[in-house]
Amino acid sequence: MTAHDEDPAIAVADMVAHVLRLAATWTRWDGVPRHVDDRVYTPHKAIRRVADHMIDHLAEVEARLAGLPTIPDHWHASAITTEQDMAPFTKDDLDEAVSRLNRLAQIWTVRLGSLTEHRLDNSPGEGWSIRRVALHLAGSTYYADAVGVMPE
């Protein structure tokens, strides 16, 4: 299957499901940040990065579909680790992450499902096609994979 044939809504939903499967173990996090590539990751940072990535690209897609310029991305993204990122990841944090990411996945699914195949692949404005944006977004598993599964 080529990227052109892949259903982007399924790819985004699968990404969120993968992230949440890993996050379900993060209430056991030992408080030690994970160093991956040239960055530092924690459970809170992984959830923040996935949500921010989903919001950022959703804003891009919506602006392009409306024929508006996109807002430049000035977020620090993975380059910073905040004090909040270092906090313990509690059951309440997991509940919030589940609600937040599932709602964002639903928004993406609804938006992508409303577009024809032609519109997905021949997107307005500059940049990747909307299909490619969504498939890129599906790579957000990277952030959760950086934290990994917490052992029992």
N, C-alpha and C. Protein backbone atom coordinates (compact mmCIF):
# COMPACT_ATOMS: atom_id res chain seq x y z
N MET A 1 0.86 -1.18 0.00
CA MET A 1 0.00 0.00 0.00
C MET A 1 0.90 1.24 0.00
N THR A 2 0.62 2.16 -0.84
CA THR A 2 1.37 3.41 -0.87
C THR A 2 0.74 4.42 0.07
N ALA A 3 1.49 5.47 0.37
CA ALA A 3 0.94 6.53 1.22
C ALA A 3 -0.29 7.14 0.58
N HIS A 4 -0.33 7.16 -0.76
CA HIS A 4 -1.48 7.72 -1.47
C HIS A 4 -2.75 6.92 -1.19
N ASP A 5 -2.61 5.61 -1.00
CA ASP A 5 -3.76 4.74 -0.80
C ASP A 5 -4.19 4.65 0.67
N GLU A 6 -3.33 5.04 1.58
CA GLU A 6 -3.61 4.89 3.00
C GLU A 6 -4.69 5.87 3.44
N ASP A 7 -5.61 5.38 4.26
CA ASP A 7 -6.68 6.23 4.79
C ASP A 7 -6.09 7.10 5.89
N PRO A 8 -6.01 8.40 5.68
CA PRO A 8 -5.37 9.25 6.68
C PRO A 8 -6.13 9.32 8.00
N ALA A 9 -7.44 9.21 7.96
CA ALA A 9 -8.22 9.24 9.20
C ALA A 9 -7.89 8.04 10.07
N ILE A 10 -7.75 6.88 9.44
CA ILE A 10 -7.38 5.68 10.19
C ILE A 10 -5.96 5.82 10.73
N ALA A 11 -5.06 6.39 9.94
CA ALA A 11 -3.68 6.56 10.39
C ALA A 11 -3.62 7.45 11.63
N VAL A 12 -4.38 8.54 11.65
CA VAL A 12 -4.38 9.44 12.81
C VAL A 12 -5.02 8.74 14.01
N ALA A 13 -6.14 8.06 13.81
CA ALA A 13 -6.80 7.36 14.92
C ALA A 13 -5.89 6.26 15.48
N ASP A 14 -5.20 5.54 14.60
CA ASP A 14 -4.27 4.49 15.05
C ASP A 14 -3.12 5.09 15.85
N MET A 15 -2.63 6.25 15.42
CA MET A 15 -1.56 6.92 16.15
C MET A 15 -2.00 7.24 17.57
N VAL A 16 -3.19 7.83 17.70
CA VAL A 16 -3.70 8.18 19.03
C VAL A 16 -3.88 6.92 19.88
N ALA A 17 -4.42 5.87 19.31
CA ALA A 17 -4.60 4.63 20.06
C ALA A 17 -3.26 4.09 20.55
N HIS A 18 -2.24 4.15 19.71
CA HIS A 18 -0.90 3.69 20.09
C HIS A 18 -0.35 4.53 21.25
N VAL A 19 -0.46 5.85 21.12
CA VAL A 19 0.03 6.74 22.17
C VAL A 19 -0.68 6.45 23.49
N LEU A 20 -1.99 6.26 23.44
CA LEU A 20 -2.74 6.02 24.68
C LEU A 20 -2.46 4.65 25.28
N ARG A 21 -2.15 3.66 24.44
CA ARG A 21 -1.74 2.35 24.99
C ARG A 21 -0.46 2.50 25.80
N LEU A 22 0.50 3.25 25.27
CA LEU A 22 1.74 3.47 26.03
C LEU A 22 1.46 4.32 27.27
N ALA A 23 0.67 5.38 27.10
CA ALA A 23 0.39 6.29 28.21
C ALA A 23 -0.29 5.57 29.38
N ALA A 24 -1.02 4.53 29.09
CA ALA A 24 -1.69 3.77 30.16
C ALA A 24 -0.68 3.19 31.15
N THR A 25 0.58 3.07 30.75
CA THR A 25 1.62 2.54 31.65
C THR A 25 2.39 3.65 32.36
N TRP A 26 2.18 4.88 31.97
CA TRP A 26 3.02 5.97 32.46
C TRP A 26 2.71 6.41 33.88
N THR A 27 1.65 5.91 34.47
CA THR A 27 1.42 6.22 35.89
C THR A 27 2.48 5.52 36.74
N ARG A 28 3.24 4.62 36.13
CA ARG A 28 4.34 3.93 36.82
C ARG A 28 5.70 4.58 36.50
N TRP A 29 5.69 5.74 35.84
CA TRP A 29 6.93 6.39 35.45
C TRP A 29 7.82 6.65 36.67
N ASP A 30 9.10 6.37 36.55
CA ASP A 30 10.06 6.50 37.65
C ASP A 30 10.61 7.91 37.83
N GLY A 31 10.15 8.86 37.02
CA GLY A 31 10.60 10.24 37.14
C GLY A 31 11.90 10.54 36.41
N VAL A 32 12.46 9.55 35.75
CA VAL A 32 13.71 9.74 35.01
C VAL A 32 13.37 10.07 33.55
N PRO A 33 13.76 11.27 33.09
CA PRO A 33 13.50 11.62 31.69
C PRO A 33 14.22 10.67 30.75
N ARG A 34 13.66 10.45 29.59
CA ARG A 34 14.26 9.59 28.58
C ARG A 34 14.97 10.47 27.56
N HIS A 35 16.23 10.19 27.30
CA HIS A 35 17.02 10.94 26.31
C HIS A 35 16.99 10.17 25.00
N VAL A 36 16.41 10.80 23.99
CA VAL A 36 16.30 10.19 22.67
C VAL A 36 16.75 11.22 21.65
N ASP A 37 17.63 10.79 20.77
CA ASP A 37 18.23 11.70 19.80
C ASP A 37 18.85 12.86 20.59
N ASP A 38 18.54 14.08 20.28
CA ASP A 38 19.12 15.20 21.01
C ASP A 38 18.09 15.86 21.93
N ARG A 39 17.06 15.11 22.32
CA ARG A 39 15.96 15.67 23.12
C ARG A 39 15.74 14.87 24.40
N VAL A 40 14.93 15.45 25.27
CA VAL A 40 14.55 14.80 26.52
C VAL A 40 13.04 14.62 26.49
N TYR A 41 12.57 13.43 26.90
CA TYR A 41 11.13 13.15 26.88
C TYR A 41 10.67 12.62 28.23
N THR A 42 9.46 13.03 28.58
CA THR A 42 8.76 12.56 29.78
C THR A 42 7.32 12.26 29.35
N PRO A 43 6.54 11.59 30.19
CA PRO A 43 5.14 11.35 29.82
C PRO A 43 4.37 12.63 29.50
N HIS A 44 4.47 13.64 30.34
CA HIS A 44 3.74 14.88 30.08
C HIS A 44 4.20 15.54 28.78
N LYS A 45 5.49 15.53 28.54
CA LYS A 45 6.00 16.14 27.32
C LYS A 45 5.50 15.38 26.09
N ALA A 46 5.47 14.07 26.16
CA ALA A 46 4.99 13.28 25.02
C ALA A 46 3.53 13.62 24.71
N ILE A 47 2.70 13.68 25.73
CA ILE A 47 1.29 14.03 25.51
C ILE A 47 1.17 15.45 24.97
N ARG A 48 1.93 16.38 25.53
CA ARG A 48 1.92 17.77 25.07
C ARG A 48 2.31 17.84 23.60
N ARG A 49 3.37 17.14 23.23
CA ARG A 49 3.85 17.19 21.86
C ARG A 49 2.84 16.58 20.88
N VAL A 50 2.23 15.47 21.24
CA VAL A 50 1.23 14.86 20.36
C VAL A 50 0.05 15.81 20.18
N ALA A 51 -0.46 16.34 21.28
CA ALA A 51 -1.61 17.26 21.20
C ALA A 51 -1.25 18.52 20.42
N ASP A 52 -0.10 19.10 20.72
CA ASP A 52 0.31 20.32 20.01
C ASP A 52 0.50 20.06 18.52
N HIS A 53 1.06 18.92 18.18
CA HIS A 53 1.26 18.57 16.78
C HIS A 53 -0.08 18.43 16.07
N MET A 54 -1.05 17.81 16.74
CA MET A 54 -2.38 17.65 16.16
C MET A 54 -3.05 19.02 15.97
N ILE A 55 -2.93 19.89 16.95
CA ILE A 55 -3.53 21.23 16.87
C ILE A 55 -2.85 22.05 15.77
N ASP A 56 -1.54 22.02 15.75
CA ASP A 56 -0.78 22.81 14.78
C ASP A 56 -1.17 22.46 13.35
N HIS A 57 -1.19 21.17 13.04
CA HIS A 57 -1.52 20.78 11.67
C HIS A 57 -3.02 20.93 11.38
N LEU A 58 -3.87 20.80 12.39
CA LEU A 58 -5.29 21.05 12.17
C LEU A 58 -5.51 22.52 11.80
N ALA A 59 -4.83 23.41 12.49
CA ALA A 59 -4.94 24.83 12.16
C ALA A 59 -4.46 25.09 10.73
N GLU A 60 -3.38 24.42 10.34
CA GLU A 60 -2.87 24.56 8.97
C GLU A 60 -3.91 24.09 7.96
N VAL A 61 -4.46 22.91 8.17
CA VAL A 61 -5.44 22.34 7.24
C VAL A 61 -6.67 23.25 7.14
N GLU A 62 -7.20 23.67 8.27
CA GLU A 62 -8.41 24.49 8.26
C GLU A 62 -8.16 25.82 7.56
N ALA A 63 -7.02 26.44 7.81
CA ALA A 63 -6.71 27.71 7.15
C ALA A 63 -6.60 27.51 5.64
N ARG A 64 -5.91 26.48 5.22
CA ARG A 64 -5.75 26.24 3.80
C ARG A 64 -7.08 25.96 3.12
N LEU A 65 -7.94 25.17 3.77
CA LEU A 65 -9.25 24.88 3.19
C LEU A 65 -10.11 26.14 3.10
N ALA A 66 -9.91 27.06 4.03
CA ALA A 66 -10.67 28.32 4.01
C ALA A 66 -10.04 29.37 3.12
N GLY A 67 -8.90 29.04 2.53
CA GLY A 67 -8.22 29.98 1.66
C GLY A 67 -7.49 31.09 2.40
N LEU A 68 -7.15 30.82 3.65
CA LEU A 68 -6.47 31.81 4.48
C LEU A 68 -5.01 31.44 4.64
N PRO A 69 -4.17 32.44 4.94
CA PRO A 69 -2.77 32.10 5.21
C PRO A 69 -2.68 31.35 6.54
N THR A 70 -1.70 30.48 6.64
CA THR A 70 -1.50 29.76 7.90
C THR A 70 -0.72 30.64 8.87
N ILE A 71 -0.91 30.39 10.14
CA ILE A 71 -0.17 31.11 11.18
C ILE A 71 1.18 30.43 11.32
N PRO A 72 2.26 31.19 11.24
CA PRO A 72 3.58 30.58 11.40
C PRO A 72 3.71 29.88 12.75
N ASP A 73 4.41 28.78 12.75
CA ASP A 73 4.64 27.98 13.96
C ASP A 73 5.82 28.56 14.72
N HIS A 74 5.55 29.07 15.94
CA HIS A 74 6.62 29.62 16.78
C HIS A 74 6.76 28.83 18.08
N TRP A 75 6.14 27.65 18.14
CA TRP A 75 6.26 26.84 19.35
C TRP A 75 7.68 26.31 19.48
N HIS A 76 8.08 26.06 20.71
CA HIS A 76 9.41 25.50 20.97
C HIS A 76 9.43 24.00 20.73
N ALA A 77 8.26 23.40 20.68
CA ALA A 77 8.11 21.97 20.37
C ALA A 77 8.95 21.12 21.31
N SER A 78 9.73 20.21 20.75
CA SER A 78 10.51 19.28 21.56
C SER A 78 11.78 19.89 22.11
N ALA A 79 12.10 21.09 21.68
CA ALA A 79 13.37 21.70 22.07
C ALA A 79 13.42 22.05 23.55
N ILE A 80 12.26 22.20 24.17
CA ILE A 80 12.25 22.54 25.59
C ILE A 80 11.54 21.45 26.39
N THR A 81 11.95 21.34 27.63
CA THR A 81 11.28 20.48 28.59
C THR A 81 10.90 21.40 29.75
N THR A 82 9.61 21.55 29.97
CA THR A 82 9.14 22.49 30.99
C THR A 82 9.12 21.84 32.37
N GLU A 83 8.98 22.67 33.37
CA GLU A 83 8.85 22.16 34.74
C GLU A 83 7.63 21.24 34.84
N GLN A 84 6.55 21.61 34.15
CA GLN A 84 5.33 20.78 34.17
C GLN A 84 5.58 19.43 33.51
N ASP A 85 6.45 19.39 32.51
CA ASP A 85 6.77 18.12 31.86
C ASP A 85 7.40 17.12 32.83
N MET A 86 8.05 17.62 33.87
CA MET A 86 8.75 16.77 34.82
C MET A 86 7.86 16.25 35.95
N ALA A 87 6.62 16.70 36.00
CA ALA A 87 5.71 16.28 37.07
C ALA A 87 5.37 14.79 36.95
N PRO A 88 5.05 14.16 38.07
CA PRO A 88 4.57 12.77 37.99
C PRO A 88 3.34 12.69 37.09
N PHE A 89 3.19 11.57 36.42
CA PHE A 89 2.05 11.35 35.52
C PHE A 89 1.04 10.48 36.27
N THR A 90 -0.05 11.11 36.70
CA THR A 90 -1.03 10.44 37.56
C THR A 90 -2.18 9.84 36.76
N LYS A 91 -3.03 9.13 37.46
CA LYS A 91 -4.25 8.58 36.85
C LYS A 91 -5.10 9.72 36.28
N ASP A 92 -5.19 10.83 36.99
CA ASP A 92 -5.95 11.98 36.49
C ASP A 92 -5.32 12.53 35.21
N ASP A 93 -4.00 12.57 35.16
CA ASP A 93 -3.31 13.03 33.95
C ASP A 93 -3.62 12.10 32.78
N LEU A 94 -3.65 10.81 33.05
CA LEU A 94 -3.99 9.84 32.01
C LEU A 94 -5.42 10.06 31.53
N ASP A 95 -6.35 10.25 32.46
CA ASP A 95 -7.75 10.50 32.09
C ASP A 95 -7.87 11.75 31.20
N GLU A 96 -7.14 12.80 31.57
CA GLU A 96 -7.15 14.03 30.76
C GLU A 96 -6.56 13.79 29.38
N ALA A 97 -5.47 13.04 29.32
CA ALA A 97 -4.83 12.74 28.03
C ALA A 97 -5.76 11.93 27.13
N VAL A 98 -6.45 10.96 27.71
CA VAL A 98 -7.39 10.14 26.94
C VAL A 98 -8.48 11.03 26.35
N SER A 99 -9.06 11.89 27.18
CA SER A 99 -10.12 12.77 26.69
C SER A 99 -9.59 13.72 25.62
N ARG A 100 -8.48 14.34 25.89
CA ARG A 100 -7.91 15.35 24.96
C ARG A 100 -7.56 14.72 23.62
N LEU A 101 -6.80 13.63 23.64
CA LEU A 101 -6.34 13.04 22.39
C LEU A 101 -7.47 12.37 21.62
N ASN A 102 -8.40 11.74 22.32
CA ASN A 102 -9.53 11.14 21.61
C ASN A 102 -10.41 12.20 20.95
N ARG A 103 -10.60 13.34 21.60
CA ARG A 103 -11.38 14.42 20.99
C ARG A 103 -10.65 14.98 19.77
N LEU A 104 -9.35 15.17 19.89
CA LEU A 104 -8.59 15.66 18.74
C LEU A 104 -8.63 14.65 17.59
N ALA A 105 -8.53 13.36 17.91
CA ALA A 105 -8.62 12.34 16.86
C ALA A 105 -9.99 12.38 16.19
N GLN A 106 -11.04 12.60 16.97
CA GLN A 106 -12.37 12.69 16.38
C GLN A 106 -12.47 13.90 15.44
N ILE A 107 -11.94 15.02 15.85
CA ILE A 107 -11.97 16.20 14.98
C ILE A 107 -11.25 15.91 13.67
N TRP A 108 -10.08 15.29 13.76
CA TRP A 108 -9.33 14.93 12.55
C TRP A 108 -10.13 13.95 11.69
N THR A 109 -10.73 12.94 12.31
CA THR A 109 -11.50 11.94 11.57
C THR A 109 -12.67 12.59 10.84
N VAL A 110 -13.38 13.48 11.52
CA VAL A 110 -14.52 14.17 10.91
C VAL A 110 -14.04 15.04 9.75
N ARG A 111 -12.99 15.82 9.98
CA ARG A 111 -12.48 16.72 8.93
C ARG A 111 -12.00 15.91 7.73
N LEU A 112 -11.18 14.91 7.96
CA LEU A 112 -10.64 14.12 6.85
C LEU A 112 -11.75 13.37 6.12
N GLY A 113 -12.72 12.87 6.88
CA GLY A 113 -13.84 12.15 6.27
C GLY A 113 -14.74 13.03 5.42
N SER A 114 -14.68 14.33 5.64
CA SER A 114 -15.52 15.24 4.87
C SER A 114 -14.89 15.61 3.52
N LEU A 115 -13.65 15.20 3.31
CA LEU A 115 -12.94 15.58 2.09
C LEU A 115 -12.96 14.44 1.08
N THR A 116 -13.08 14.80 -0.17
CA THR A 116 -13.00 13.81 -1.23
C THR A 116 -11.54 13.36 -1.39
N GLU A 117 -11.37 12.23 -2.04
CA GLU A 117 -10.01 11.76 -2.33
C GLU A 117 -9.25 12.81 -3.13
N HIS A 118 -9.94 13.44 -4.07
CA HIS A 118 -9.30 14.48 -4.87
C HIS A 118 -8.82 15.63 -3.98
N ARG A 119 -9.67 16.04 -3.05
CA ARG A 119 -9.32 17.17 -2.16
C ARG A 119 -8.18 16.79 -1.21
N LEU A 120 -8.17 15.53 -0.77
CA LEU A 120 -7.08 15.08 0.10
C LEU A 120 -5.73 15.16 -0.61
N ASP A 121 -5.74 14.83 -1.88
CA ASP A 121 -4.48 14.74 -2.63
C ASP A 121 -4.16 15.98 -3.44
N ASN A 122 -5.11 16.85 -3.64
CA ASN A 122 -4.92 18.10 -4.40
C ASN A 122 -5.39 19.25 -3.52
N SER A 123 -4.64 19.47 -2.47
CA SER A 123 -5.04 20.40 -1.43
C SER A 123 -4.75 21.84 -1.82
N PRO A 124 -5.59 22.76 -1.34
CA PRO A 124 -5.36 24.18 -1.63
C PRO A 124 -4.16 24.72 -0.87
N GLY A 125 -3.62 25.80 -1.37
CA GLY A 125 -2.52 26.46 -0.68
C GLY A 125 -1.19 25.77 -0.90
N GLU A 126 -0.19 26.29 -0.23
CA GLU A 126 1.15 25.75 -0.35
C GLU A 126 1.39 24.67 0.69
N GLY A 127 2.29 23.77 0.37
CA GLY A 127 2.67 22.73 1.32
C GLY A 127 2.19 21.36 0.89
N TRP A 128 2.36 20.44 1.78
CA TRP A 128 1.98 19.06 1.53
C TRP A 128 0.49 18.96 1.25
N SER A 129 0.09 17.86 0.61
CA SER A 129 -1.34 17.57 0.49
C SER A 129 -1.88 17.31 1.89
N ILE A 130 -3.19 17.43 2.03
CA ILE A 130 -3.79 17.17 3.34
C ILE A 130 -3.58 15.72 3.74
N ARG A 131 -3.62 14.82 2.78
CA ARG A 131 -3.34 13.40 3.09
C ARG A 131 -1.94 13.28 3.68
N ARG A 132 -0.96 13.93 3.03
CA ARG A 132 0.42 13.82 3.51
C ARG A 132 0.58 14.47 4.88
N VAL A 133 -0.10 15.58 5.13
CA VAL A 133 -0.06 16.21 6.45
C VAL A 133 -0.56 15.22 7.50
N ALA A 134 -1.69 14.58 7.23
CA ALA A 134 -2.26 13.63 8.19
C ALA A 134 -1.35 12.43 8.40
N LEU A 135 -0.76 11.92 7.33
CA LEU A 135 0.15 10.78 7.46
C LEU A 135 1.42 11.18 8.20
N HIS A 136 1.87 12.41 8.00
CA HIS A 136 2.99 12.94 8.78
C HIS A 136 2.60 13.00 10.26
N LEU A 137 1.40 13.49 10.53
CA LEU A 137 0.91 13.58 11.90
C LEU A 137 0.89 12.21 12.57
N ALA A 138 0.58 11.19 11.81
CA ALA A 138 0.55 9.83 12.36
C ALA A 138 1.92 9.41 12.90
N GLY A 139 2.97 10.08 12.45
CA GLY A 139 4.31 9.82 12.97
C GLY A 139 4.53 10.36 14.37
N SER A 140 3.52 10.99 14.95
CA SER A 140 3.64 11.51 16.31
C SER A 140 3.80 10.41 17.34
N THR A 141 3.68 9.17 16.92
CA THR A 141 3.99 8.05 17.82
C THR A 141 5.42 8.17 18.34
N TYR A 142 6.26 8.86 17.58
CA TYR A 142 7.67 9.06 17.98
C TYR A 142 7.78 9.56 19.41
N TYR A 143 6.97 10.55 19.78
CA TYR A 143 7.05 11.15 21.10
C TYR A 143 6.72 10.14 22.21
N ALA A 144 5.67 9.37 21.99
CA ALA A 144 5.29 8.35 22.98
C ALA A 144 6.29 7.21 22.99
N ASP A 145 6.77 6.82 21.82
CA ASP A 145 7.76 5.76 21.75
C ASP A 145 9.05 6.16 22.47
N ALA A 146 9.36 7.46 22.47
CA ALA A 146 10.55 7.94 23.17
C ALA A 146 10.45 7.66 24.67
N VAL A 147 9.24 7.74 25.20
CA VAL A 147 9.03 7.44 26.63
C VAL A 147 8.91 5.93 26.81
N GLY A 148 8.19 5.27 25.92
CA GLY A 148 8.07 3.82 25.96
C GLY A 148 7.06 3.30 26.96
N VAL A 149 7.16 2.01 27.20
CA VAL A 149 6.29 1.32 28.15
C VAL A 149 6.99 1.29 29.51
N MET A 150 6.27 1.66 30.54
CA MET A 150 6.81 1.57 31.89
C MET A 150 6.60 0.17 32.44
N PRO A 151 7.66 -0.45 32.94
CA PRO A 151 7.53 -1.82 33.45
C PRO A 151 6.63 -1.89 34.68
N GLU A 152 6.07 -3.06 34.88
CA GLU A 152 5.19 -3.29 36.04
C GLU A 152 6.01 -3.24 37.31
